Each structure stands twice: as structure tokens, then as C-alpha cells.
C-alpha atoms as a PDB file:
ATOM      1  CA  UNK A   1      -0.989   1.335  10.593  1.00  0.00           C
ATOM      2  CA  UNK A   2       2.023   3.377   9.542  1.00  0.00           C
ATOM      3  CA  UNK A   3       1.289   6.938   8.570  1.00  0.00           C
ATOM      4  CA  UNK A   4       2.259   6.771   4.930  1.00  0.00           C
ATOM      5  CA  UNK A   5       2.716  10.494   4.596  1.00  0.00           C
ATOM      6  CA  UNK A   6       5.262  10.800   7.359  1.00  0.00           C
ATOM      7  CA  UNK A   7       7.244   7.583   7.670  1.00  0.00           C
ATOM      8  CA  UNK A   8       9.118   5.151   5.477  1.00  0.00           C
ATOM      9  CA  UNK A   9      10.734   1.854   6.262  1.00  0.00           C
ATOM     10  CA  UNK A  10      14.152   1.002   4.825  1.00  0.00           C
ATOM     11  CA  UNK A  11      15.364  -1.567   7.330  1.00  0.00           C
ATOM     12  CA  UNK A  12      13.538  -4.221   9.320  1.00  0.00           C
ATOM     13  CA  UNK A  13      15.100  -5.998  12.300  1.00  0.00           C
ATOM     14  CA  UNK A  14      13.564  -9.334  13.201  1.00  0.00           C
ATOM     15  CA  UNK A  15      14.167 -11.335  16.341  1.00  0.00           C
ATOM     16  CA  UNK A  16      13.137 -14.922  16.967  1.00  0.00           C
ATOM     17  CA  UNK A  17      14.036 -17.464  19.633  1.00  0.00           C
ATOM     18  CA  UNK A  18      14.846 -20.984  18.534  1.00  0.00           C
ATOM     19  CA  UNK A  19      13.770 -22.564  21.787  1.00  0.00           C
ATOM     20  CA  UNK A  20      11.340 -21.942  24.625  1.00  0.00           C
ATOM     21  CA  UNK A  21      14.036 -20.787  27.025  1.00  0.00           C
ATOM     22  CA  UNK A  22      14.748 -17.752  24.890  1.00  0.00           C
ATOM     23  CA  UNK A  23      18.392 -18.689  24.264  1.00  0.00           C
ATOM     24  CA  UNK A  24      19.867 -18.932  20.810  1.00  0.00           C
ATOM     25  CA  UNK A  25      18.636 -15.534  19.637  1.00  0.00           C
ATOM     26  CA  UNK A  26      18.465 -15.260  15.881  1.00  0.00           C
ATOM     27  CA  UNK A  27      18.630 -11.782  14.385  1.00  0.00           C
ATOM     28  CA  UNK A  28      17.946 -11.236  10.725  1.00  0.00           C
ATOM     29  CA  UNK A  29      18.251  -7.719   9.358  1.00  0.00           C
ATOM     30  CA  UNK A  30      16.788  -6.984   5.970  1.00  0.00           C
ATOM     31  CA  UNK A  31      18.999  -4.226   4.586  1.00  0.00           C
ATOM     32  CA  UNK A  32      17.651  -2.046   1.856  1.00  0.00           C
ATOM     33  CA  UNK A  33      15.401  -4.610   0.176  1.00  0.00           C
ATOM     34  CA  UNK A  34      12.757  -1.956  -0.176  1.00  0.00           C
ATOM     35  CA  UNK A  35      15.189   0.143  -2.144  1.00  0.00           C
ATOM     36  CA  UNK A  36      14.971  -2.418  -4.953  1.00  0.00           C
ATOM     37  CA  UNK A  37      11.296  -1.663  -5.457  1.00  0.00           C
ATOM     38  CA  UNK A  38      10.043   0.904  -7.975  1.00  0.00           C
ATOM     39  CA  UNK A  39       8.491   3.012  -5.215  1.00  0.00           C
ATOM     40  CA  UNK A  40      10.266   2.169  -1.996  1.00  0.00           C
ATOM     41  CA  UNK A  41       8.048   3.537   0.744  1.00  0.00           C
ATOM     42  CA  UNK A  42       6.759   0.674   2.890  1.00  0.00           C
ATOM     43  CA  UNK A  43       3.199   1.061   4.076  1.00  0.00           C
ATOM     44  CA  UNK A  44       2.558  -2.111   6.073  1.00  0.00           C
ATOM     45  CA  UNK A  45       4.270  -5.164   7.553  1.00  0.00           C
ATOM     46  CA  UNK A  46       2.779  -8.192   9.302  1.00  0.00           C
ATOM     47  CA  UNK A  47       3.951 -11.549  10.658  1.00  0.00           C
ATOM     48  CA  UNK A  48       1.854 -14.634  10.017  1.00  0.00           C
ATOM     49  CA  UNK A  49       0.627 -16.136  13.324  1.00  0.00           C
ATOM     50  CA  UNK A  50       2.681 -19.287  12.766  1.00  0.00           C
ATOM     51  CA  UNK A  51       5.838 -17.237  12.207  1.00  0.00           C
ATOM     52  CA  UNK A  52       6.486 -18.642   8.730  1.00  0.00           C
ATOM     53  CA  UNK A  53       6.025 -15.407   6.812  1.00  0.00           C
ATOM     54  CA  UNK A  54       6.708 -11.713   7.067  1.00  0.00           C
ATOM     55  CA  UNK A  55       4.578  -9.814   4.570  1.00  0.00           C
ATOM     56  CA  UNK A  56       5.335  -6.247   3.508  1.00  0.00           C
ATOM     57  CA  UNK A  57       3.666  -3.879   1.065  1.00  0.00           C
ATOM     58  CA  UNK A  58       4.537  -0.616  -0.623  1.00  0.00           C
ATOM     59  CA  UNK A  59       3.179   2.343  -2.556  1.00  0.00           C
ATOM     60  CA  UNK A  60       3.853   0.675  -5.898  1.00  0.00           C
ATOM     61  CA  UNK A  61       1.377  -2.125  -5.129  1.00  0.00           C
ATOM     62  CA  UNK A  62       3.954  -4.796  -4.339  1.00  0.00           C
ATOM     63  CA  UNK A  63       3.342  -7.420  -1.646  1.00  0.00           C
ATOM     64  CA  UNK A  64       6.372  -9.524  -0.738  1.00  0.00           C
ATOM     65  CA  UNK A  65       6.474 -12.550   1.563  1.00  0.00           C
ATOM     66  CA  UNK A  66       9.754 -13.407   3.250  1.00  0.00           C
ATOM     67  CA  UNK A  67      11.245 -15.892   5.662  1.00  0.00           C
ATOM     68  CA  UNK A  68      11.469 -13.858   8.888  1.00  0.00           C
ATOM     69  CA  UNK A  69      14.417 -15.929  10.157  1.00  0.00           C
ATOM     70  CA  UNK A  70      16.828 -14.951   7.391  1.00  0.00           C
ATOM     71  CA  UNK A  71      15.096 -12.355   5.192  1.00  0.00           C
ATOM     72  CA  UNK A  72      14.903 -14.635   2.151  1.00  0.00           C
ATOM     73  CA  UNK A  73      12.206 -13.631  -0.309  1.00  0.00           C
ATOM     74  CA  UNK A  74       9.879 -16.594  -0.725  1.00  0.00           C
ATOM     75  CA  UNK A  75       7.438 -15.178  -3.255  1.00  0.00           C
ATOM     76  CA  UNK A  76       5.426 -12.098  -4.090  1.00  0.00           C
ATOM     77  CA  UNK A  77       1.798 -11.529  -4.972  1.00  0.00           C
ATOM     78  CA  UNK A  78       0.831 -10.066  -8.345  1.00  0.00           C
ATOM     79  CA  UNK A  79       1.469  -6.326  -8.244  1.00  0.00           C
ATOM     80  CA  UNK A  80      -1.600  -4.168  -7.679  1.00  0.00           C
ATOM     81  CA  UNK A  81      -2.301  -1.113  -9.780  1.00  0.00           C
ATOM     82  CA  UNK A  82      -2.070   1.193  -6.767  1.00  0.00           C
ATOM     83  CA  UNK A  83      -0.646   1.249  -3.239  1.00  0.00           C
ATOM     84  CA  UNK A  84      -1.303  -1.556  -0.760  1.00  0.00           C
ATOM     85  CA  UNK A  85      -1.885   0.425   2.405  1.00  0.00           C
ATOM     86  CA  UNK A  86      -2.503  -2.335   4.947  1.00  0.00           C
ATOM     87  CA  UNK A  87      -2.398  -6.114   5.223  1.00  0.00           C
ATOM     88  CA  UNK A  88      -3.397  -8.755   7.750  1.00  0.00           C
ATOM     89  CA  UNK A  89      -3.015 -12.523   8.104  1.00  0.00           C
ATOM     90  CA  UNK A  90      -5.891 -14.717   9.197  1.00  0.00           C
ATOM     91  CA  UNK A  91      -5.376 -16.752  12.411  1.00  0.00           C
ATOM     92  CA  UNK A  92      -4.130 -19.805  10.497  1.00  0.00           C
ATOM     93  CA  UNK A  93      -1.562 -17.891   8.444  1.00  0.00           C
ATOM     94  CA  UNK A  94      -2.972 -19.352   5.222  1.00  0.00           C
ATOM     95  CA  UNK A  95      -4.901 -16.278   4.114  1.00  0.00           C
ATOM     96  CA  UNK A  96      -3.631 -12.733   3.641  1.00  0.00           C
ATOM     97  CA  UNK A  97      -6.002  -9.789   3.286  1.00  0.00           C
ATOM     98  CA  UNK A  98      -4.747  -6.580   1.672  1.00  0.00           C
ATOM     99  CA  UNK A  99      -6.321  -3.106   1.589  1.00  0.00           C
ATOM    100  CA  UNK A 100      -5.622  -1.185  -1.602  1.00  0.00           C
ATOM    101  CA  UNK A 101      -5.824   2.376  -2.830  1.00  0.00           C
ATOM    102  CA  UNK A 102      -8.019   1.262  -5.728  1.00  0.00           C
ATOM    103  CA  UNK A 103     -10.912   0.969  -3.206  1.00  0.00           C
ATOM    104  CA  UNK A 104     -10.888  -2.845  -3.294  1.00  0.00           C
ATOM    105  CA  UNK A 105      -9.638  -5.282  -0.666  1.00  0.00           C
ATOM    106  CA  UNK A 106      -8.379  -8.704  -1.658  1.00  0.00           C
ATOM    107  CA  UNK A 107      -8.057 -11.969   0.246  1.00  0.00           C
ATOM    108  CA  UNK A 108      -5.324 -14.349  -0.956  1.00  0.00           C
ATOM    109  CA  UNK A 109      -5.088 -18.062  -0.240  1.00  0.00           C
ATOM    110  CA  UNK A 110      -1.308 -18.322   0.072  1.00  0.00           C
ATOM    111  CA  UNK A 111      -1.338 -22.050  -0.691  1.00  0.00           C
ATOM    112  CA  UNK A 112      -2.829 -21.289  -4.114  1.00  0.00           C
ATOM    113  CA  UNK A 113      -1.641 -17.740  -4.809  1.00  0.00           C
ATOM    114  CA  UNK A 114       1.267 -18.863  -6.997  1.00  0.00           C
ATOM    115  CA  UNK A 115      -0.981 -20.790  -9.393  1.00  0.00           C
ATOM    116  CA  UNK A 116      -1.223 -19.105 -12.788  1.00  0.00           C
ATOM    117  CA  UNK A 117      -5.017 -19.195 -12.875  1.00  0.00           C
ATOM    118  CA  UNK A 118      -5.593 -18.161  -9.271  1.00  0.00           C
ATOM    119  CA  UNK A 119      -7.871 -15.205  -8.522  1.00  0.00           C
ATOM    120  CA  UNK A 120      -8.166 -13.712  -5.013  1.00  0.00           C
ATOM    121  CA  UNK A 121     -11.479 -12.994  -3.338  1.00  0.00           C
ATOM    122  CA  UNK A 122     -12.428  -9.360  -4.014  1.00  0.00           C
ATOM    123  CA  UNK A 123     -14.087  -7.184  -1.380  1.00  0.00           C
ATOM    124  CA  UNK A 124     -15.527  -4.344  -3.443  1.00  0.00           C
ATOM    125  CA  UNK A 125     -17.911  -1.567  -2.489  1.00  0.00           C
ATOM    126  CA  UNK A 126     -16.008   1.269  -0.807  1.00  0.00           C
ATOM    127  CA  UNK A 127     -16.113   4.544  -2.705  1.00  0.00           C
ATOM    128  CA  UNK A 128     -12.723   5.885  -1.621  1.00  0.00           C
ATOM    129  CA  UNK A 129      -9.359   4.273  -0.933  1.00  0.00           C
ATOM    130  CA  UNK A 130      -8.945   1.797   1.910  1.00  0.00           C
ATOM    131  CA  UNK A 131      -6.887   2.570   4.997  1.00  0.00           C
ATOM    132  CA  UNK A 132      -7.246  -0.546   7.152  1.00  0.00           C
ATOM    133  CA  UNK A 133      -8.108  -4.226   7.160  1.00  0.00           C
ATOM    134  CA  UNK A 134      -8.431  -6.774   9.959  1.00  0.00           C
ATOM    135  CA  UNK A 135      -9.432 -10.432  10.280  1.00  0.00           C
ATOM    136  CA  UNK A 136     -11.702 -11.430  13.140  1.00  0.00           C
ATOM    137  CA  UNK A 137     -10.049 -13.732  15.714  1.00  0.00           C
ATOM    138  CA  UNK A 138     -11.758 -16.817  14.278  1.00  0.00           C
ATOM    139  CA  UNK A 139     -11.038 -15.798  10.681  1.00  0.00           C
ATOM    140  CA  UNK A 140     -14.706 -15.813   9.679  1.00  0.00           C
ATOM    141  CA  UNK A 141     -14.942 -12.066   9.005  1.00  0.00           C
ATOM    142  CA  UNK A 142     -12.824  -9.266   7.589  1.00  0.00           C
ATOM    143  CA  UNK A 143     -13.326  -5.611   8.520  1.00  0.00           C
ATOM    144  CA  UNK A 144     -12.254  -2.766   6.246  1.00  0.00           C
ATOM    145  CA  UNK A 145     -12.014   0.952   6.972  1.00  0.00           C
ATOM    146  CA  UNK A 146     -11.989   3.562   4.234  1.00  0.00           C
ATOM    147  CA  UNK A 147     -11.585   7.235   3.529  1.00  0.00           C
ATOM    148  CA  UNK A 148     -15.248   7.167   2.504  1.00  0.00           C
ATOM    149  CA  UNK A 149     -16.016   7.216   6.257  1.00  0.00           C
ATOM    150  CA  UNK A 150     -17.523   3.738   6.418  1.00  0.00           C
ATOM    151  CA  UNK A 151     -16.545   0.424   7.959  1.00  0.00           C
ATOM    152  CA  UNK A 152     -17.597  -2.751   6.180  1.00  0.00           C
ATOM    153  CA  UNK A 153     -17.649  -6.325   7.431  1.00  0.00           C
ATOM    154  CA  UNK A 154     -17.145  -9.073   4.849  1.00  0.00           C
ATOM    155  CA  UNK A 155     -17.185 -12.825   4.438  1.00  0.00           C
ATOM    156  CA  UNK A 156     -13.579 -13.491   3.340  1.00  0.00           C
ATOM    157  CA  UNK A 157     -14.483 -16.743   1.576  1.00  0.00           C
ATOM    158  CA  UNK A 158     -17.316 -15.489  -0.620  1.00  0.00           C
ATOM    159  CA  UNK A 159     -16.577 -11.752  -0.703  1.00  0.00           C
ATOM    160  CA  UNK A 160     -20.159 -11.030   0.373  1.00  0.00           C
ATOM    161  CA  UNK A 161     -20.788  -7.870   2.404  1.00  0.00           C
ATOM    162  CA  UNK A 162     -22.132  -8.930   5.811  1.00  0.00           C
ATOM    163  CA  UNK A 163     -22.829  -5.481   7.221  1.00  0.00           C
ATOM    164  CA  UNK A 164     -21.854  -1.838   6.846  1.00  0.00           C
ATOM    165  CA  UNK A 165     -21.251   0.666   9.614  1.00  0.00           C
ATOM    166  CA  UNK A 166     -21.801   4.201   8.292  1.00  0.00           C
ATOM    167  CA  UNK A 167     -20.067   6.994  10.164  1.00  0.00           C
ATOM    168  CA  UNK A 168     -20.126  10.766  10.226  1.00  0.00           C
ATOM    169  CA  UNK A 169     -16.577  11.504  11.347  1.00  0.00           C
ATOM    170  CA  UNK A 170     -14.711  11.461   8.046  1.00  0.00           C
ATOM    171  CA  UNK A 171     -11.793   9.232   7.164  1.00  0.00           C
ATOM    172  CA  UNK A 172     -11.537   5.865   8.946  1.00  0.00           C
ATOM    173  CA  UNK A 173      -7.840   5.147   9.527  1.00  0.00           C
ATOM    174  CA  UNK A 174      -7.861   1.853  11.438  1.00  0.00           C
ATOM    175  CA  UNK A 175     -10.138  -0.956  12.610  1.00  0.00           C
ATOM    176  CA  UNK A 176      -9.505  -3.808  15.043  1.00  0.00           C
ATOM    177  CA  UNK A 177     -11.587  -6.708  16.313  1.00  0.00           C
ATOM    178  CA  UNK A 178     -11.734  -7.467  20.024  1.00  0.00           C
ATOM    179  CA  UNK A 179     -10.310 -10.865  21.081  1.00  0.00           C
ATOM    180  CA  UNK A 180     -13.809 -12.325  21.423  1.00  0.00           C
ATOM    181  CA  UNK A 181     -14.828 -11.013  18.007  1.00  0.00           C
ATOM    182  CA  UNK A 182     -17.878  -9.260  19.418  1.00  0.00           C
ATOM    183  CA  UNK A 183     -16.681  -5.669  19.192  1.00  0.00           C
ATOM    184  CA  UNK A 184     -14.805  -3.497  16.747  1.00  0.00           C
ATOM    185  CA  UNK A 185     -12.546  -0.548  17.570  1.00  0.00           C
ATOM    186  CA  UNK A 186     -12.477   2.270  15.018  1.00  0.00           C
ATOM    187  CA  UNK A 187      -9.845   4.993  14.773  1.00  0.00           C
ATOM    188  CA  UNK A 188     -10.381   8.019  12.543  1.00  0.00           C
ATOM    189  CA  UNK A 189      -9.657  11.680  11.923  1.00  0.00           C
ATOM    190  CA  UNK A 190     -12.365  12.482  14.467  1.00  0.00           C
ATOM    191  CA  UNK A 191      -9.771  12.126  17.295  1.00  0.00           C
ATOM    192  CA  UNK A 192     -12.220   9.758  19.054  1.00  0.00           C
ATOM    193  CA  UNK A 193     -11.942   5.974  19.312  1.00  0.00           C
ATOM    194  CA  UNK A 194     -15.275   4.235  18.866  1.00  0.00           C
ATOM    195  CA  UNK A 195     -16.014   0.751  20.194  1.00  0.00           C
ATOM    196  CA  UNK A 196     -18.913  -0.834  18.312  1.00  0.00           C
ATOM    197  CA  UNK A 197     -20.963  -3.887  19.203  1.00  0.00           C
ATOM    198  CA  UNK A 198     -21.010  -5.906  15.985  1.00  0.00           C
ATOM    199  CA  UNK A 199     -24.355  -7.579  16.593  1.00  0.00           C
ATOM    200  CA  UNK A 200     -26.259  -4.353  17.107  1.00  0.00           C
ATOM    201  CA  UNK A 201     -23.915  -1.982  15.292  1.00  0.00           C
ATOM    202  CA  UNK A 202     -24.265   0.457  18.184  1.00  0.00           C
ATOM    203  CA  UNK A 203     -21.493   2.477  19.817  1.00  0.00           C
ATOM    204  CA  UNK A 204     -20.861   1.014  23.274  1.00  0.00           C
ATOM    205  CA  UNK A 205     -17.906   3.208  24.205  1.00  0.00           C
ATOM    206  CA  UNK A 206     -16.175   6.380  23.025  1.00  0.00           C
ATOM    207  CA  UNK A 207     -12.604   7.150  24.054  1.00  0.00           C
ATOM    208  CA  UNK A 208     -11.772  10.852  24.096  1.00  0.00           C
ATOM    209  CA  UNK A 209      -8.544  12.694  24.790  1.00  0.00           C
ATOM    210  CA  UNK A 210      -6.466  12.538  21.615  1.00  0.00           C
ATOM    211  CA  UNK A 211      -5.653  15.883  20.034  1.00  0.00           C
ATOM    212  CA  UNK A 212      -4.768  14.492  16.607  1.00  0.00           C
ATOM    213  CA  UNK A 213      -6.185  11.906  14.230  1.00  0.00           C
ATOM    214  CA  UNK A 214      -6.034   8.300  15.402  1.00  0.00           C
ATOM    215  CA  UNK A 215      -3.892   6.228  13.059  1.00  0.00           C
ATOM    216  CA  UNK A 216      -3.918   2.928  14.915  1.00  0.00           C
ATOM    217  CA  UNK A 217      -6.115   0.973  17.324  1.00  0.00           C
ATOM    218  CA  UNK A 218      -5.487  -2.452  18.866  1.00  0.00           C
ATOM    219  CA  UNK A 219      -6.927  -4.631  21.618  1.00  0.00           C
ATOM    220  CA  UNK A 220      -4.580  -6.465  23.963  1.00  0.00           C
END
């Protein structure tokens, strides 16, 4: 996650190789496209796993999908009423989950999102704004972290809450699934990283040593 209160993004440099040898480097620089938005502070960016899309979001609730090879805007999602603070593609690149300041996460089917009558799957239940969202490696679950101090695990197809992990350490700033999908890393204002077993919900490891809040966590 990008700390929204301290950083803004006005230029994105993208690099992609057009063959396996790494030759033929293509560089596309997106100059100032965020400046065209009504509130031009970027909060999140993410590549789709297949490399077809680069998604970005901002404080005004805009989510834009672009061709990462040349910066061309392909389409945008309907603007949200408040900031989109984080976003994440599922492993196939077809679905995009967004975490919003209105306390609701949304999962978009990008093959249908441009249809006039399309409605995304809503993940509703947090009592304060969302800070983080992450698909499980197999795409069957979505985790959300919120300023209400809880982590929730959802079915991204039905929007049903699978489980909730209550916490006592204040704001949850980031969540990340392990590669096997069995554990979840949680970063928060507590300055401690928690690793939770998803089956039992128990803490299996705590990582101490940070002196400030933990904005981002990620497994290799």
C-alpha cells in the first residue's frame, strides 16, 4: 500500500520485455495522466497477472485501466463516492477487487464491467473505511483490512462473509495471503506483523522490530 497521507504519484514508468531473452525493452511513461483527474492523488496501482492491464485508483473514487505497454486508457470503472484506497487483481486477471473509503469493497468482473446493467459484487460489513484488499492465490477468497481493526475473509463470487478475524491493535493497514493460501499476514499501527493460520484463526507468528506503523506486508 502507498501511504496516502505522505505520497502522491504523478508519473508511472513501465517496463516490459517483448521476448524471453529480455531484449527489445519497451518503456512507456505515463506523464501527468493523474493530473487530469478531479483529485489527482494516486492511492494504488496494480498489474493484472497476465500483463494486459495496469489499474490505478485515486482519492476521487476513480479506477482507470490502461494498456501497460503504451499507457493507453482502455476503460474506467464507474466512479465511487469516496476514495479507492487499494485494489488487487485475481490470479486470472479477469476480476478486480477494490477497497473503498465508504467501508465497502467491490469485486468487478472486467469482462462484464462495461455493460450498462452490470453490478459488482459488494463486500459489506466493515464499520470504518477499508485500507487493504487481497485475493487468495487460487482466487477463491478475498481478504479485507479496515480501520475498524478487523480482517474479514469473503467469497468474491457471492459476497458472503466466510470468516472474521477480530483484532485489538487498532487500524489494519495491509493484508496478504501466503502463496499456499493457508496463512494471512497482517500489518497495522501496532508495529507488529501478525501471521494467522486461516483454518484456526490463530496467530502462528509475530514479527517485532518495527518502530512505526506497518503500511505494507507481502510474501515472496
